[in-house]
């Protein structure tokens, strides 16, 4: 099991890559570590934060994909109908864009401090973008 450390805003989380369920997505993401971006609050999907990544190409298709990630699950939308993005659910999410429902590859699960994931989401909603960094633990 590949473990990650995620630092987002003032919070640090332990996480694991879902290598058995999303092997291609995990392999592509591992090549980009450490991965840094900013999270902003979602516009259409509910209680989540996302990293808009434009035309970044992870060169993966759908695997272990869902439109309803649970709190603490992180999904990658590889692009197509909307831009490439990574989304972290902190509450109820129905993953979508202005064109309609999307599905993303569930490839990371946060394994510590889920209550702080909710705090990160609410902080991002009310205080704006927060830095995020993914690295090997």
C-alpha atoms as a PDB file:
ATOM      1  CA  UNK A   1       0.000   0.000   0.000  1.00  0.00           C
ATOM      2  CA  UNK A   2       1.407   3.388  -1.008  1.00  0.00           C
ATOM      3  CA  UNK A   3       0.914   6.026   1.662  1.00  0.00           C
ATOM      4  CA  UNK A   4       0.751   9.756   1.095  1.00  0.00           C
ATOM      5  CA  UNK A   5       0.974  12.891   3.181  1.00  0.00           C
ATOM      6  CA  UNK A   6      -1.392  15.658   2.122  1.00  0.00           C
ATOM      7  CA  UNK A   7      -0.919  19.185   3.418  1.00  0.00           C
ATOM      8  CA  UNK A   8      -3.864  21.477   2.675  1.00  0.00           C
ATOM      9  CA  UNK A   9      -4.154  24.925   4.201  1.00  0.00           C
ATOM     10  CA  UNK A  10      -3.169  24.480   7.877  1.00  0.00           C
ATOM     11  CA  UNK A  11      -4.074  20.750   7.931  1.00  0.00           C
ATOM     12  CA  UNK A  12      -2.061  17.583   7.360  1.00  0.00           C
ATOM     13  CA  UNK A  13      -3.683  14.262   6.433  1.00  0.00           C
ATOM     14  CA  UNK A  14      -2.516  10.684   6.026  1.00  0.00           C
ATOM     15  CA  UNK A  15      -3.816   9.031   2.858  1.00  0.00           C
ATOM     16  CA  UNK A  16      -3.426   5.947   0.714  1.00  0.00           C
ATOM     17  CA  UNK A  17      -3.328   5.465  -3.018  1.00  0.00           C
ATOM     18  CA  UNK A  18      -6.008   3.053  -4.275  1.00  0.00           C
ATOM     19  CA  UNK A  19      -3.473   1.165  -6.412  1.00  0.00           C
ATOM     20  CA  UNK A  20      -5.560  -2.014  -6.789  1.00  0.00           C
ATOM     21  CA  UNK A  21      -8.736  -0.214  -7.855  1.00  0.00           C
ATOM     22  CA  UNK A  22      -7.199   2.573  -9.971  1.00  0.00           C
ATOM     23  CA  UNK A  23      -3.716   1.394 -10.996  1.00  0.00           C
ATOM     24  CA  UNK A  24      -3.233   3.592 -14.072  1.00  0.00           C
ATOM     25  CA  UNK A  25      -4.454   6.738 -12.304  1.00  0.00           C
ATOM     26  CA  UNK A  26      -2.228   6.066  -9.299  1.00  0.00           C
ATOM     27  CA  UNK A  27       0.826   5.371 -11.487  1.00  0.00           C
ATOM     28  CA  UNK A  28       0.289   8.586 -13.451  1.00  0.00           C
ATOM     29  CA  UNK A  29      -0.155  10.620 -10.271  1.00  0.00           C
ATOM     30  CA  UNK A  30       2.931   9.085  -8.622  1.00  0.00           C
ATOM     31  CA  UNK A  31       5.068  10.383 -11.504  1.00  0.00           C
ATOM     32  CA  UNK A  32       3.984  13.926 -10.598  1.00  0.00           C
ATOM     33  CA  UNK A  33       4.867  13.791  -6.887  1.00  0.00           C
ATOM     34  CA  UNK A  34       5.318  16.024  -5.086  1.00  0.00           C
ATOM     35  CA  UNK A  35       2.144  17.534  -6.575  1.00  0.00           C
ATOM     36  CA  UNK A  36       1.233  21.082  -5.586  1.00  0.00           C
ATOM     37  CA  UNK A  37      -1.827  23.116  -6.431  1.00  0.00           C
ATOM     38  CA  UNK A  38      -4.572  25.150  -4.786  1.00  0.00           C
ATOM     39  CA  UNK A  39      -8.032  23.984  -3.776  1.00  0.00           C
ATOM     40  CA  UNK A  40     -11.068  26.154  -4.349  1.00  0.00           C
ATOM     41  CA  UNK A  41     -14.635  25.361  -3.383  1.00  0.00           C
ATOM     42  CA  UNK A  42     -16.671  23.483  -5.996  1.00  0.00           C
ATOM     43  CA  UNK A  43     -19.296  25.359  -7.978  1.00  0.00           C
ATOM     44  CA  UNK A  44     -21.734  22.631  -8.958  1.00  0.00           C
ATOM     45  CA  UNK A  45     -20.991  19.484  -6.999  1.00  0.00           C
ATOM     46  CA  UNK A  46     -21.914  20.150  -3.357  1.00  0.00           C
ATOM     47  CA  UNK A  47     -19.543  19.798  -0.405  1.00  0.00           C
ATOM     48  CA  UNK A  48     -16.152  19.465  -2.001  1.00  0.00           C
ATOM     49  CA  UNK A  49     -13.022  21.335  -2.979  1.00  0.00           C
ATOM     50  CA  UNK A  50     -11.305  20.987  -6.321  1.00  0.00           C
ATOM     51  CA  UNK A  51      -8.124  21.685  -8.207  1.00  0.00           C
ATOM     52  CA  UNK A  52      -8.893  22.938 -11.718  1.00  0.00           C
ATOM     53  CA  UNK A  53      -6.078  21.617 -13.938  1.00  0.00           C
ATOM     54  CA  UNK A  54      -7.049  22.889 -17.398  1.00  0.00           C
ATOM     55  CA  UNK A  55      -5.731  20.640 -20.133  1.00  0.00           C
ATOM     56  CA  UNK A  56      -3.233  18.713 -17.945  1.00  0.00           C
ATOM     57  CA  UNK A  57      -3.095  15.207 -19.373  1.00  0.00           C
ATOM     58  CA  UNK A  58      -2.832  12.265 -16.972  1.00  0.00           C
ATOM     59  CA  UNK A  59      -3.229   9.903 -19.955  1.00  0.00           C
ATOM     60  CA  UNK A  60      -5.796   7.688 -18.209  1.00  0.00           C
ATOM     61  CA  UNK A  61      -9.347   6.606 -18.925  1.00  0.00           C
ATOM     62  CA  UNK A  62     -12.060   5.706 -16.477  1.00  0.00           C
ATOM     63  CA  UNK A  63     -11.268   3.247 -13.671  1.00  0.00           C
ATOM     64  CA  UNK A  64     -12.921   2.969 -10.265  1.00  0.00           C
ATOM     65  CA  UNK A  65     -14.989   5.992 -11.293  1.00  0.00           C
ATOM     66  CA  UNK A  66     -17.856   7.520  -9.355  1.00  0.00           C
ATOM     67  CA  UNK A  67     -20.092  10.564  -9.369  1.00  0.00           C
ATOM     68  CA  UNK A  68     -20.659  10.279  -5.613  1.00  0.00           C
ATOM     69  CA  UNK A  69     -17.330  10.274  -3.734  1.00  0.00           C
ATOM     70  CA  UNK A  70     -17.633   9.882   0.038  1.00  0.00           C
ATOM     71  CA  UNK A  71     -16.037  12.354   2.454  1.00  0.00           C
ATOM     72  CA  UNK A  72     -12.272  11.913   2.373  1.00  0.00           C
ATOM     73  CA  UNK A  73     -12.244  10.359  -1.100  1.00  0.00           C
ATOM     74  CA  UNK A  74     -10.275  12.088  -3.849  1.00  0.00           C
ATOM     75  CA  UNK A  75     -11.186  11.642  -7.509  1.00  0.00           C
ATOM     76  CA  UNK A  76      -9.477  12.575 -10.758  1.00  0.00           C
ATOM     77  CA  UNK A  77     -11.553  13.647 -13.737  1.00  0.00           C
ATOM     78  CA  UNK A  78      -9.230  13.092 -16.720  1.00  0.00           C
ATOM     79  CA  UNK A  79     -10.923  15.697 -18.918  1.00  0.00           C
ATOM     80  CA  UNK A  80     -13.322  15.522 -21.829  1.00  0.00           C
ATOM     81  CA  UNK A  81     -16.642  17.246 -21.232  1.00  0.00           C
ATOM     82  CA  UNK A  82     -15.009  19.590 -18.724  1.00  0.00           C
ATOM     83  CA  UNK A  83     -11.405  20.408 -17.848  1.00  0.00           C
ATOM     84  CA  UNK A  84      -9.094  18.014 -16.005  1.00  0.00           C
ATOM     85  CA  UNK A  85      -9.592  18.295 -12.262  1.00  0.00           C
ATOM     86  CA  UNK A  86      -9.034  16.658  -8.912  1.00  0.00           C
ATOM     87  CA  UNK A  87     -11.850  16.811  -6.346  1.00  0.00           C
ATOM     88  CA  UNK A  88     -11.798  16.132  -2.601  1.00  0.00           C
ATOM     89  CA  UNK A  89     -15.199  15.451  -1.041  1.00  0.00           C
ATOM     90  CA  UNK A  90     -15.796  16.704   2.506  1.00  0.00           C
ATOM     91  CA  UNK A  91     -19.556  16.058   2.596  1.00  0.00           C
ATOM     92  CA  UNK A  92     -22.300  15.159   0.148  1.00  0.00           C
ATOM     93  CA  UNK A  93     -21.063  15.377  -3.443  1.00  0.00           C
ATOM     94  CA  UNK A  94     -22.816  14.767  -6.749  1.00  0.00           C
ATOM     95  CA  UNK A  95     -19.916  15.407  -9.125  1.00  0.00           C
ATOM     96  CA  UNK A  96     -20.977  17.662 -11.986  1.00  0.00           C
ATOM     97  CA  UNK A  97     -20.152  20.625 -14.189  1.00  0.00           C
ATOM     98  CA  UNK A  98     -22.393  23.161 -15.894  1.00  0.00           C
ATOM     99  CA  UNK A  99     -22.930  20.596 -18.686  1.00  0.00           C
ATOM    100  CA  UNK A 100     -24.197  17.937 -16.245  1.00  0.00           C
ATOM    101  CA  UNK A 101     -23.062  14.907 -14.271  1.00  0.00           C
ATOM    102  CA  UNK A 102     -19.436  13.739 -14.430  1.00  0.00           C
ATOM    103  CA  UNK A 103     -17.556  10.737 -13.032  1.00  0.00           C
ATOM    104  CA  UNK A 104     -14.017  10.757 -11.687  1.00  0.00           C
ATOM    105  CA  UNK A 105     -11.538   8.035 -10.772  1.00  0.00           C
ATOM    106  CA  UNK A 106     -11.420   7.433  -7.016  1.00  0.00           C
ATOM    107  CA  UNK A 107      -7.668   7.054  -6.534  1.00  0.00           C
ATOM    108  CA  UNK A 108      -6.836   8.443  -3.057  1.00  0.00           C
ATOM    109  CA  UNK A 109      -8.550   7.964   0.300  1.00  0.00           C
ATOM    110  CA  UNK A 110      -7.744  10.119   3.307  1.00  0.00           C
ATOM    111  CA  UNK A 111      -7.209   7.885   6.344  1.00  0.00           C
ATOM    112  CA  UNK A 112      -6.824  10.385   9.204  1.00  0.00           C
ATOM    113  CA  UNK A 113      -8.584  13.423  10.655  1.00  0.00           C
ATOM    114  CA  UNK A 114     -11.754  13.323   8.519  1.00  0.00           C
ATOM    115  CA  UNK A 115     -13.255  16.013  10.779  1.00  0.00           C
ATOM    116  CA  UNK A 116     -10.459  18.319   9.609  1.00  0.00           C
ATOM    117  CA  UNK A 117     -11.414  17.612   5.974  1.00  0.00           C
ATOM    118  CA  UNK A 118     -14.775  19.226   6.748  1.00  0.00           C
ATOM    119  CA  UNK A 119     -12.994  22.182   8.370  1.00  0.00           C
ATOM    120  CA  UNK A 120     -10.813  22.556   5.254  1.00  0.00           C
ATOM    121  CA  UNK A 121     -13.900  22.577   3.044  1.00  0.00           C
ATOM    122  CA  UNK A 122     -15.683  25.226   5.098  1.00  0.00           C
ATOM    123  CA  UNK A 123     -12.512  27.334   5.341  1.00  0.00           C
ATOM    124  CA  UNK A 124     -12.123  27.204   1.568  1.00  0.00           C
ATOM    125  CA  UNK A 125     -15.760  28.221   1.091  1.00  0.00           C
ATOM    126  CA  UNK A 126     -15.518  31.249   3.380  1.00  0.00           C
ATOM    127  CA  UNK A 127     -11.853  32.281   3.149  1.00  0.00           C
ATOM    128  CA  UNK A 128     -10.904  31.293  -0.405  1.00  0.00           C
ATOM    129  CA  UNK A 129      -8.262  29.174  -2.107  1.00  0.00           C
ATOM    130  CA  UNK A 130      -5.906  27.103   0.017  1.00  0.00           C
ATOM    131  CA  UNK A 131      -2.549  25.576  -0.984  1.00  0.00           C
ATOM    132  CA  UNK A 132      -2.386  21.783  -1.223  1.00  0.00           C
ATOM    133  CA  UNK A 133       0.596  19.437  -1.521  1.00  0.00           C
ATOM    134  CA  UNK A 134       0.687  15.672  -2.048  1.00  0.00           C
ATOM    135  CA  UNK A 135       3.902  13.764  -1.252  1.00  0.00           C
ATOM    136  CA  UNK A 136       4.986  10.273  -0.318  1.00  0.00           C
ATOM    137  CA  UNK A 137       4.696   9.566   3.405  1.00  0.00           C
END
